Amino acid sequence: MAQATRKLLEHALKLPPAERAELVAQLVASLDGDEPEGRVERAWADEIERRVREMPAPGAALPSADEVFSRLRTHLAERRRAK
């Protein structure tokens, strides 16, 4: 790591957590140069909304681990047969 980069990192690590998070978001966004920021943000928002909709209601009965693994084994076996 270059000395200038190291100094920048040292200064960045002294920032409050919220400011560090914003800095990280901006740096990552700068690496996605070919993706318009709005489109990426919309895709993440859609994914978050989808996952929230799929969450069980508070207090809902959840399947046991045995049931989950049984479903997974059945699903994988069906996929293997379909190939």
N, C-alpha and C. Protein backbone atom coordinates (compact mmCIF):
# COMPACT_ATOMS: atom_id res chain seq x y z
N MET A 1 0.85 -1.17 0.00
CA MET A 1 0.00 0.00 0.00
C MET A 1 0.89 1.23 0.00
N ALA A 2 0.61 2.15 -0.88
CA ALA A 2 1.40 3.38 -0.98
C ALA A 2 1.23 4.21 0.29
N GLN A 3 2.24 5.00 0.59
CA GLN A 3 2.21 5.82 1.81
C GLN A 3 1.02 6.78 1.81
N ALA A 4 0.72 7.39 0.67
CA ALA A 4 -0.42 8.32 0.61
C ALA A 4 -1.72 7.58 0.91
N THR A 5 -1.84 6.36 0.40
CA THR A 5 -3.04 5.55 0.65
C THR A 5 -3.11 5.17 2.12
N ARG A 6 -1.97 4.83 2.70
CA ARG A 6 -1.93 4.45 4.11
C ARG A 6 -2.36 5.63 4.99
N LYS A 7 -1.89 6.84 4.66
CA LYS A 7 -2.27 8.02 5.43
C LYS A 7 -3.78 8.29 5.29
N LEU A 8 -4.27 8.15 4.09
CA LEU A 8 -5.69 8.34 3.85
C LEU A 8 -6.51 7.35 4.69
N LEU A 9 -6.06 6.10 4.72
CA LEU A 9 -6.73 5.08 5.51
C LEU A 9 -6.71 5.43 7.00
N GLU A 10 -5.57 5.86 7.48
CA GLU A 10 -5.46 6.25 8.89
C GLU A 10 -6.46 7.34 9.23
N HIS A 11 -6.58 8.34 8.36
CA HIS A 11 -7.54 9.43 8.59
C HIS A 11 -8.97 8.90 8.52
N ALA A 12 -9.23 8.04 7.56
CA ALA A 12 -10.58 7.51 7.39
C ALA A 12 -11.00 6.70 8.61
N LEU A 13 -10.08 5.93 9.18
CA LEU A 13 -10.41 5.11 10.33
C LEU A 13 -10.73 5.93 11.57
N LYS A 14 -10.36 7.20 11.57
CA LYS A 14 -10.67 8.08 12.71
C LYS A 14 -12.05 8.72 12.58
N LEU A 15 -12.69 8.56 11.43
CA LEU A 15 -14.02 9.13 11.23
C LEU A 15 -15.05 8.37 12.06
N PRO A 16 -16.16 9.05 12.40
CA PRO A 16 -17.25 8.34 13.09
C PRO A 16 -17.79 7.23 12.18
N PRO A 17 -18.37 6.18 12.76
CA PRO A 17 -18.85 5.04 11.97
C PRO A 17 -19.77 5.44 10.81
N ALA A 18 -20.69 6.35 11.01
CA ALA A 18 -21.61 6.73 9.94
C ALA A 18 -20.86 7.35 8.77
N GLU A 19 -19.87 8.16 9.06
CA GLU A 19 -19.10 8.79 7.99
C GLU A 19 -18.23 7.75 7.27
N ARG A 20 -17.68 6.79 8.03
CA ARG A 20 -16.90 5.72 7.39
C ARG A 20 -17.79 4.90 6.47
N ALA A 21 -19.00 4.61 6.91
CA ALA A 21 -19.93 3.84 6.08
C ALA A 21 -20.25 4.59 4.80
N GLU A 22 -20.48 5.88 4.89
CA GLU A 22 -20.77 6.67 3.69
C GLU A 22 -19.56 6.69 2.76
N LEU A 23 -18.37 6.80 3.32
CA LEU A 23 -17.15 6.79 2.51
C LEU A 23 -17.00 5.45 1.79
N VAL A 24 -17.25 4.37 2.49
CA VAL A 24 -17.16 3.04 1.87
C VAL A 24 -18.17 2.92 0.73
N ALA A 25 -19.39 3.37 0.98
CA ALA A 25 -20.43 3.30 -0.05
C ALA A 25 -20.02 4.08 -1.29
N GLN A 26 -19.45 5.25 -1.09
CA GLN A 26 -19.02 6.07 -2.22
C GLN A 26 -17.86 5.41 -2.97
N LEU A 27 -16.93 4.83 -2.24
CA LEU A 27 -15.80 4.15 -2.89
C LEU A 27 -16.26 2.95 -3.69
N VAL A 28 -17.14 2.15 -3.11
CA VAL A 28 -17.66 0.99 -3.83
C VAL A 28 -18.43 1.43 -5.06
N ALA A 29 -19.24 2.46 -4.92
CA ALA A 29 -20.00 2.98 -6.06
C ALA A 29 -19.06 3.43 -7.18
N SER A 30 -17.91 3.97 -6.81
CA SER A 30 -16.98 4.44 -7.84
C SER A 30 -16.39 3.27 -8.63
N LEU A 31 -16.38 2.08 -8.06
CA LEU A 31 -15.87 0.90 -8.76
C LEU A 31 -16.90 0.34 -9.73
N ASP A 32 -18.16 0.67 -9.53
CA ASP A 32 -19.24 0.20 -10.39
C ASP A 32 -19.49 1.19 -11.51
N GLY A 33 -18.44 1.72 -12.08
CA GLY A 33 -18.54 2.79 -13.06
C GLY A 33 -19.53 2.59 -14.18
N ASP A 34 -19.76 1.35 -14.62
CA ASP A 34 -20.64 1.14 -15.75
C ASP A 34 -22.10 0.98 -15.34
N GLU A 35 -22.39 0.90 -14.05
CA GLU A 35 -23.76 0.75 -13.57
C GLU A 35 -24.27 2.07 -13.04
N PRO A 36 -25.34 2.60 -13.59
CA PRO A 36 -25.91 3.81 -13.01
C PRO A 36 -26.35 3.54 -11.58
N GLU A 37 -25.97 4.42 -10.68
CA GLU A 37 -26.22 4.22 -9.25
C GLU A 37 -27.70 3.99 -8.95
N GLY A 38 -28.57 4.73 -9.59
CA GLY A 38 -29.99 4.59 -9.33
C GLY A 38 -30.51 3.20 -9.64
N ARG A 39 -30.03 2.60 -10.71
CA ARG A 39 -30.48 1.27 -11.10
C ARG A 39 -30.04 0.22 -10.09
N VAL A 40 -28.81 0.34 -9.62
CA VAL A 40 -28.29 -0.59 -8.63
C VAL A 40 -29.05 -0.44 -7.32
N GLU A 41 -29.25 0.80 -6.89
CA GLU A 41 -29.99 1.04 -5.65
C GLU A 41 -31.40 0.50 -5.75
N ARG A 42 -32.05 0.68 -6.92
CA ARG A 42 -33.42 0.18 -7.10
C ARG A 42 -33.45 -1.34 -7.03
N ALA A 43 -32.44 -1.98 -7.62
CA ALA A 43 -32.38 -3.44 -7.58
C ALA A 43 -32.23 -3.93 -6.14
N TRP A 44 -31.40 -3.27 -5.35
CA TRP A 44 -31.24 -3.66 -3.95
C TRP A 44 -32.54 -3.42 -3.18
N ALA A 45 -33.17 -2.29 -3.41
CA ALA A 45 -34.44 -1.99 -2.73
C ALA A 45 -35.48 -3.05 -3.07
N ASP A 46 -35.56 -3.45 -4.34
CA ASP A 46 -36.51 -4.48 -4.75
C ASP A 46 -36.21 -5.81 -4.05
N GLU A 47 -34.93 -6.15 -3.97
CA GLU A 47 -34.54 -7.40 -3.32
C GLU A 47 -34.89 -7.38 -1.83
N ILE A 48 -34.64 -6.27 -1.18
CA ILE A 48 -34.97 -6.14 0.24
C ILE A 48 -36.48 -6.28 0.44
N GLU A 49 -37.26 -5.61 -0.39
CA GLU A 49 -38.71 -5.69 -0.28
C GLU A 49 -39.19 -7.13 -0.50
N ARG A 50 -38.60 -7.83 -1.47
CA ARG A 50 -38.98 -9.21 -1.74
C ARG A 50 -38.69 -10.09 -0.52
N ARG A 51 -37.52 -9.91 0.07
CA ARG A 51 -37.16 -10.73 1.23
C ARG A 51 -38.05 -10.44 2.43
N VAL A 52 -38.40 -9.17 2.63
CA VAL A 52 -39.29 -8.82 3.74
C VAL A 52 -40.66 -9.45 3.53
N ARG A 53 -41.18 -9.41 2.29
CA ARG A 53 -42.48 -10.03 2.00
C ARG A 53 -42.46 -11.53 2.28
N GLU A 54 -41.34 -12.17 2.07
CA GLU A 54 -41.23 -13.61 2.25
C GLU A 54 -41.00 -14.02 3.71
N MET A 55 -40.76 -13.06 4.58
CA MET A 55 -40.55 -13.39 5.99
C MET A 55 -41.85 -13.86 6.61
N PRO A 56 -41.76 -14.85 7.48
CA PRO A 56 -42.98 -15.30 8.15
C PRO A 56 -43.47 -14.22 9.12
N ALA A 57 -44.77 -14.23 9.37
CA ALA A 57 -45.35 -13.27 10.30
C ALA A 57 -44.81 -13.53 11.70
N PRO A 58 -44.71 -12.48 12.52
CA PRO A 58 -44.25 -12.69 13.90
C PRO A 58 -45.14 -13.72 14.60
N GLY A 59 -44.52 -14.65 15.27
CA GLY A 59 -45.25 -15.68 15.98
C GLY A 59 -45.68 -16.86 15.12
N ALA A 60 -45.39 -16.81 13.83
CA ALA A 60 -45.77 -17.91 12.93
C ALA A 60 -44.96 -19.15 13.27
N ALA A 61 -45.59 -20.30 13.09
CA ALA A 61 -44.88 -21.56 13.32
C ALA A 61 -43.86 -21.76 12.20
N LEU A 62 -42.65 -22.05 12.57
CA LEU A 62 -41.59 -22.26 11.61
C LEU A 62 -41.30 -23.75 11.49
N PRO A 63 -40.88 -24.19 10.31
CA PRO A 63 -40.58 -25.62 10.15
C PRO A 63 -39.35 -26.00 10.97
N SER A 64 -39.30 -27.24 11.37
CA SER A 64 -38.14 -27.73 12.12
C SER A 64 -36.96 -27.88 11.15
N ALA A 65 -35.79 -28.02 11.71
CA ALA A 65 -34.60 -28.22 10.89
C ALA A 65 -34.73 -29.51 10.07
N ASP A 66 -35.29 -30.55 10.69
CA ASP A 66 -35.48 -31.82 9.97
C ASP A 66 -36.37 -31.62 8.75
N GLU A 67 -37.44 -30.84 8.91
CA GLU A 67 -38.35 -30.60 7.79
C GLU A 67 -37.66 -29.79 6.69
N VAL A 68 -36.89 -28.80 7.08
CA VAL A 68 -36.17 -27.97 6.10
C VAL A 68 -35.19 -28.84 5.31
N PHE A 69 -34.42 -29.68 6.00
CA PHE A 69 -33.44 -30.52 5.30
C PHE A 69 -34.13 -31.56 4.43
N SER A 70 -35.27 -32.06 4.88
CA SER A 70 -36.03 -33.01 4.08
C SER A 70 -36.50 -32.36 2.78
N ARG A 71 -37.02 -31.14 2.89
CA ARG A 71 -37.46 -30.40 1.69
C ARG A 71 -36.28 -30.16 0.75
N LEU A 72 -35.15 -29.80 1.34
CA LEU A 72 -33.96 -29.52 0.54
C LEU A 72 -33.50 -30.78 -0.20
N ARG A 73 -33.48 -31.92 0.50
CA ARG A 73 -33.09 -33.17 -0.16
C ARG A 73 -34.03 -33.51 -1.31
N THR A 74 -35.34 -33.31 -1.08
CA THR A 74 -36.33 -33.58 -2.14
C THR A 74 -36.11 -32.66 -3.32
N HIS A 75 -35.90 -31.38 -3.04
CA HIS A 75 -35.68 -30.40 -4.11
C HIS A 75 -34.44 -30.76 -4.93
N LEU A 76 -33.35 -31.09 -4.24
CA LEU A 76 -32.10 -31.43 -4.95
C LEU A 76 -32.27 -32.71 -5.77
N ALA A 77 -32.98 -33.69 -5.23
CA ALA A 77 -33.21 -34.93 -5.97
C ALA A 77 -34.02 -34.65 -7.23
N GLU A 78 -35.03 -33.79 -7.13
CA GLU A 78 -35.83 -33.43 -8.31
C GLU A 78 -35.00 -32.71 -9.35
N ARG A 79 -34.11 -31.85 -8.92
CA ARG A 79 -33.25 -31.14 -9.87
C ARG A 79 -32.30 -32.10 -10.58
N ARG A 80 -31.78 -33.08 -9.84
CA ARG A 80 -30.88 -34.06 -10.46
C ARG A 80 -31.61 -34.90 -11.50
N ARG A 81 -32.86 -35.28 -11.19
CA ARG A 81 -33.64 -36.07 -12.13
C ARG A 81 -33.99 -35.26 -13.39
N ALA A 82 -34.15 -33.95 -13.24
CA ALA A 82 -34.54 -33.09 -14.36
C ALA A 82 -33.39 -32.89 -15.35
N LYS A 83 -32.18 -33.12 -14.92
CA LYS A 83 -31.02 -32.90 -15.81
C LYS A 83 -30.87 -33.97 -16.82
